[in-house]
PDB file of N, CA and C in Angstrom:
ATOM      1  N   UNK A   1     -16.333  17.349  20.589  1.00  0.00           N
ATOM      2  CA  UNK A   1     -15.811  16.240  19.860  1.00  0.00           C
ATOM      3  C   UNK A   1     -14.334  15.761  20.337  1.00  0.00           C
ATOM      4  N   UNK A   2     -14.212  14.490  20.504  1.00  0.00           N
ATOM      5  CA  UNK A   2     -12.978  14.203  21.100  1.00  0.00           C
ATOM      6  C   UNK A   2     -11.817  13.781  20.066  1.00  0.00           C
ATOM      7  N   UNK A   3     -10.619  13.962  20.263  1.00  0.00           N
ATOM      8  CA  UNK A   3      -9.445  13.815  19.544  1.00  0.00           C
ATOM      9  C   UNK A   3      -9.144  12.412  19.476  1.00  0.00           C
ATOM     10  N   UNK A   4      -8.669  11.837  18.327  1.00  0.00           N
ATOM     11  CA  UNK A   4      -8.092  10.613  18.134  1.00  0.00           C
ATOM     12  C   UNK A   4      -6.674  10.703  17.381  1.00  0.00           C
ATOM     13  N   UNK A   5      -5.837   9.691  17.780  1.00  0.00           N
ATOM     14  CA  UNK A   5      -4.667   9.773  17.153  1.00  0.00           C
ATOM     15  C   UNK A   5      -4.490   8.363  16.423  1.00  0.00           C
ATOM     16  N   UNK A   6      -3.709   8.524  15.154  1.00  0.00           N
ATOM     17  CA  UNK A   6      -3.343   7.201  14.517  1.00  0.00           C
ATOM     18  C   UNK A   6      -2.213   6.640  15.283  1.00  0.00           C
ATOM     19  N   UNK A   7      -2.683   5.230  15.624  1.00  0.00           N
ATOM     20  CA  UNK A   7      -1.526   4.624  16.329  1.00  0.00           C
ATOM     21  C   UNK A   7      -0.634   3.511  15.084  1.00  0.00           C
ATOM     22  N   UNK A   8      -1.357   3.153  14.249  1.00  0.00           N
ATOM     23  CA  UNK A   8      -0.709   2.097  13.339  1.00  0.00           C
ATOM     24  C   UNK A   8      -1.536   2.253  12.166  1.00  0.00           C
ATOM     25  N   UNK A   9      -0.532   2.261  10.974  1.00  0.00           N
ATOM     26  CA  UNK A   9      -1.068   2.339   9.654  1.00  0.00           C
ATOM     27  C   UNK A   9      -0.324   1.129   8.811  1.00  0.00           C
ATOM     28  N   UNK A  10      -0.922   0.197   8.438  1.00  0.00           N
ATOM     29  CA  UNK A  10      -0.298  -0.959   7.805  1.00  0.00           C
ATOM     30  C   UNK A  10       0.140  -0.544   6.231  1.00  0.00           C
ATOM     31  N   UNK A  11      -0.657  -0.077   5.420  1.00  0.00           N
ATOM     32  CA  UNK A  11      -0.436   0.320   4.122  1.00  0.00           C
ATOM     33  C   UNK A  11      -1.587   0.491   3.281  1.00  0.00           C
ATOM     34  N   UNK A  12      -1.499   1.023   2.166  1.00  0.00           N
ATOM     35  CA  UNK A  12      -2.362   1.182   1.053  1.00  0.00           C
ATOM     36  C   UNK A  12      -1.788   1.141  -0.245  1.00  0.00           C
ATOM     37  N   UNK A  13      -2.498   0.768  -1.195  1.00  0.00           N
ATOM     38  CA  UNK A  13      -2.030   0.629  -2.510  1.00  0.00           C
ATOM     39  C   UNK A  13      -2.628   1.704  -3.437  1.00  0.00           C
ATOM     40  N   UNK A  14      -1.998   2.633  -3.875  1.00  0.00           N
ATOM     41  CA  UNK A  14      -2.480   3.736  -4.832  1.00  0.00           C
ATOM     42  C   UNK A  14      -1.816   3.564  -6.218  1.00  0.00           C
ATOM     43  N   UNK A  15      -2.797   3.625  -6.978  1.00  0.00           N
ATOM     44  CA  UNK A  15      -2.299   3.620  -8.449  1.00  0.00           C
ATOM     45  C   UNK A  15      -2.446   4.996  -9.171  1.00  0.00           C
ATOM     46  N   UNK A  16      -1.320   5.469  -9.929  1.00  0.00           N
ATOM     47  CA  UNK A  16      -1.153   6.709 -10.336  1.00  0.00           C
ATOM     48  C   UNK A  16      -0.576   6.766 -11.663  1.00  0.00           C
ATOM     49  N   UNK A  17      -0.887   7.564 -12.382  1.00  0.00           N
ATOM     50  CA  UNK A  17       0.009   7.933 -13.775  1.00  0.00           C
ATOM     51  C   UNK A  17       1.406   8.385 -13.458  1.00  0.00           C
ATOM     52  N   UNK A  18       1.331   9.158 -12.243  1.00  0.00           N
ATOM     53  CA  UNK A  18       2.505   9.795 -12.034  1.00  0.00           C
ATOM     54  C   UNK A  18       2.971   9.491 -10.759  1.00  0.00           C
ATOM     55  N   UNK A  19       3.486   8.108 -10.363  1.00  0.00           N
ATOM     56  CA  UNK A  19       3.720   7.657  -9.034  1.00  0.00           C
ATOM     57  C   UNK A  19       4.725   8.479  -8.210  1.00  0.00           C
ATOM     58  N   UNK A  20       5.765   9.098  -9.122  1.00  0.00           N
ATOM     59  CA  UNK A  20       6.826   9.935  -8.276  1.00  0.00           C
ATOM     60  C   UNK A  20       6.309  11.147  -7.738  1.00  0.00           C
ATOM     61  N   UNK A  21       5.390  11.809  -8.570  1.00  0.00           N
ATOM     62  CA  UNK A  21       4.629  13.144  -8.058  1.00  0.00           C
ATOM     63  C   UNK A  21       3.720  12.742  -6.688  1.00  0.00           C
ATOM     64  N   UNK A  22       3.055  11.753  -6.905  1.00  0.00           N
ATOM     65  CA  UNK A  22       2.208  11.373  -5.821  1.00  0.00           C
ATOM     66  C   UNK A  22       3.028  10.972  -4.528  1.00  0.00           C
ATOM     67  N   UNK A  23       4.069  10.196  -4.566  1.00  0.00           N
ATOM     68  CA  UNK A  23       5.036   9.917  -3.472  1.00  0.00           C
ATOM     69  C   UNK A  23       5.527  11.203  -2.784  1.00  0.00           C
ATOM     70  N   UNK A  24       5.942  11.967  -3.612  1.00  0.00           N
ATOM     71  CA  UNK A  24       6.501  13.257  -3.155  1.00  0.00           C
ATOM     72  C   UNK A  24       5.475  14.103  -2.346  1.00  0.00           C
ATOM     73  N   UNK A  25       4.156  14.073  -2.781  1.00  0.00           N
ATOM     74  CA  UNK A  25       3.177  14.765  -2.052  1.00  0.00           C
ATOM     75  C   UNK A  25       3.237  14.142  -0.785  1.00  0.00           C
ATOM     76  N   UNK A  26       2.839  12.644  -0.737  1.00  0.00           N
ATOM     77  CA  UNK A  26       2.679  11.940   0.576  1.00  0.00           C
ATOM     78  C   UNK A  26       3.866  12.271   1.693  1.00  0.00           C
ATOM     79  N   UNK A  27       5.137  12.129   0.984  1.00  0.00           N
ATOM     80  CA  UNK A  27       6.250  12.417   1.685  1.00  0.00           C
ATOM     81  C   UNK A  27       6.497  13.760   2.296  1.00  0.00           C
ATOM     82  N   UNK A  28       6.174  14.847   1.553  1.00  0.00           N
ATOM     83  CA  UNK A  28       6.387  16.227   1.842  1.00  0.00           C
ATOM     84  C   UNK A  28       5.363  16.863   2.502  1.00  0.00           C
ATOM     85  N   UNK A  29       4.213  16.576   2.201  1.00  0.00           N
ATOM     86  CA  UNK A  29       3.089  17.402   2.774  1.00  0.00           C
ATOM     87  C   UNK A  29       2.280  16.592   3.911  1.00  0.00           C
ATOM     88  N   UNK A  30       2.163  15.245   3.683  1.00  0.00           N
ATOM     89  CA  UNK A  30       1.810  14.482   4.775  1.00  0.00           C
ATOM     90  C   UNK A  30       2.758  13.912   5.740  1.00  0.00           C
ATOM     91  N   UNK A  31       4.011  13.927   5.352  1.00  0.00           N
ATOM     92  CA  UNK A  31       5.110  13.567   6.246  1.00  0.00           C
ATOM     93  C   UNK A  31       5.027  12.014   6.565  1.00  0.00           C
ATOM     94  N   UNK A  32       4.726  11.208   5.592  1.00  0.00           N
ATOM     95  CA  UNK A  32       4.634   9.880   5.587  1.00  0.00           C
ATOM     96  C   UNK A  32       5.793   9.158   5.168  1.00  0.00           C
ATOM     97  N   UNK A  33       6.432   8.145   5.725  1.00  0.00           N
ATOM     98  CA  UNK A  33       7.483   7.674   5.307  1.00  0.00           C
ATOM     99  C   UNK A  33       7.091   6.505   4.440  1.00  0.00           C
ATOM    100  N   UNK A  34       7.650   6.427   3.179  1.00  0.00           N
ATOM    101  CA  UNK A  34       7.241   5.456   2.232  1.00  0.00           C
ATOM    102  C   UNK A  34       8.264   4.612   1.642  1.00  0.00           C
ATOM    103  N   UNK A  35       7.954   3.542   1.377  1.00  0.00           N
ATOM    104  CA  UNK A  35       8.744   2.449   0.862  1.00  0.00           C
ATOM    105  C   UNK A  35       8.391   2.035  -0.372  1.00  0.00           C
ATOM    106  N   UNK A  36       9.145   1.806  -1.604  1.00  0.00           N
ATOM    107  CA  UNK A  36       8.702   1.501  -2.894  1.00  0.00           C
ATOM    108  C   UNK A  36       8.479  -0.017  -2.952  1.00  0.00           C
ATOM    109  N   UNK A  37       7.353  -0.342  -3.475  1.00  0.00           N
ATOM    110  CA  UNK A  37       6.962  -1.803  -3.832  1.00  0.00           C
ATOM    111  C   UNK A  37       6.391  -1.818  -5.116  1.00  0.00           C
ATOM    112  N   UNK A  38       6.605  -2.967  -5.872  1.00  0.00           N
ATOM    113  CA  UNK A  38       6.042  -3.240  -6.960  1.00  0.00           C
ATOM    114  C   UNK A  38       4.959  -4.236  -6.964  1.00  0.00           C
ATOM    115  N   UNK A  39       3.837  -4.131  -7.609  1.00  0.00           N
ATOM    116  CA  UNK A  39       2.862  -5.049  -7.810  1.00  0.00           C
ATOM    117  C   UNK A  39       2.398  -5.520  -9.084  1.00  0.00           C
ATOM    118  N   UNK A  40       3.307  -5.438 -10.002  1.00  0.00           N
ATOM    119  CA  UNK A  40       2.875  -5.769 -11.422  1.00  0.00           C
ATOM    120  C   UNK A  40       1.757  -4.954 -12.008  1.00  0.00           C
ATOM    121  N   UNK A  41       1.103  -5.495 -12.881  1.00  0.00           N
ATOM    122  CA  UNK A  41      -0.014  -4.746 -13.443  1.00  0.00           C
ATOM    123  C   UNK A  41      -1.084  -4.272 -12.533  1.00  0.00           C
ATOM    124  N   UNK A  42      -1.121  -2.854 -12.228  1.00  0.00           N
ATOM    125  CA  UNK A  42      -2.111  -2.557 -11.394  1.00  0.00           C
ATOM    126  C   UNK A  42      -3.214  -1.702 -12.091  1.00  0.00           C
ATOM    127  N   UNK A  43      -3.294  -1.606 -13.571  1.00  0.00           N
ATOM    128  CA  UNK A  43      -4.397  -1.010 -14.190  1.00  0.00           C
ATOM    129  C   UNK A  43      -5.650  -1.793 -13.987  1.00  0.00           C
ATOM    130  N   UNK A  44      -6.669  -1.019 -13.932  1.00  0.00           N
ATOM    131  CA  UNK A  44      -7.995  -1.929 -13.918  1.00  0.00           C
ATOM    132  C   UNK A  44      -8.232  -2.372 -15.275  1.00  0.00           C
ATOM    133  N   UNK A  45      -8.864  -3.627 -15.180  1.00  0.00           N
ATOM    134  CA  UNK A  45      -9.146  -4.430 -16.548  1.00  0.00           C
ATOM    135  C   UNK A  45     -10.816  -4.381 -16.576  1.00  0.00           C
ATOM    136  N   UNK A  46     -11.436  -3.617 -17.477  1.00  0.00           N
ATOM    137  CA  UNK A  46     -12.764  -3.584 -17.723  1.00  0.00           C
ATOM    138  C   UNK A  46     -13.151  -4.416 -18.679  1.00  0.00           C
ATOM    139  N   UNK A  47     -14.248  -5.301 -18.514  1.00  0.00           N
ATOM    140  CA  UNK A  47     -14.472  -6.117 -19.568  1.00  0.00           C
ATOM    141  C   UNK A  47     -15.409  -7.179 -19.514  1.00  0.00           C
TER     142      UNK A  47
END
């Protein structure tokens, strides 16, 4: 199996009931630099 490396990652939107805890995980465990953004109401609307 050949190894590949990540050259560029634009972004992903994650919704969480505890965004601070999720951000801490991504920063500390995965060593990803994060910048806070606000996207308004991100909860799914079923109906």
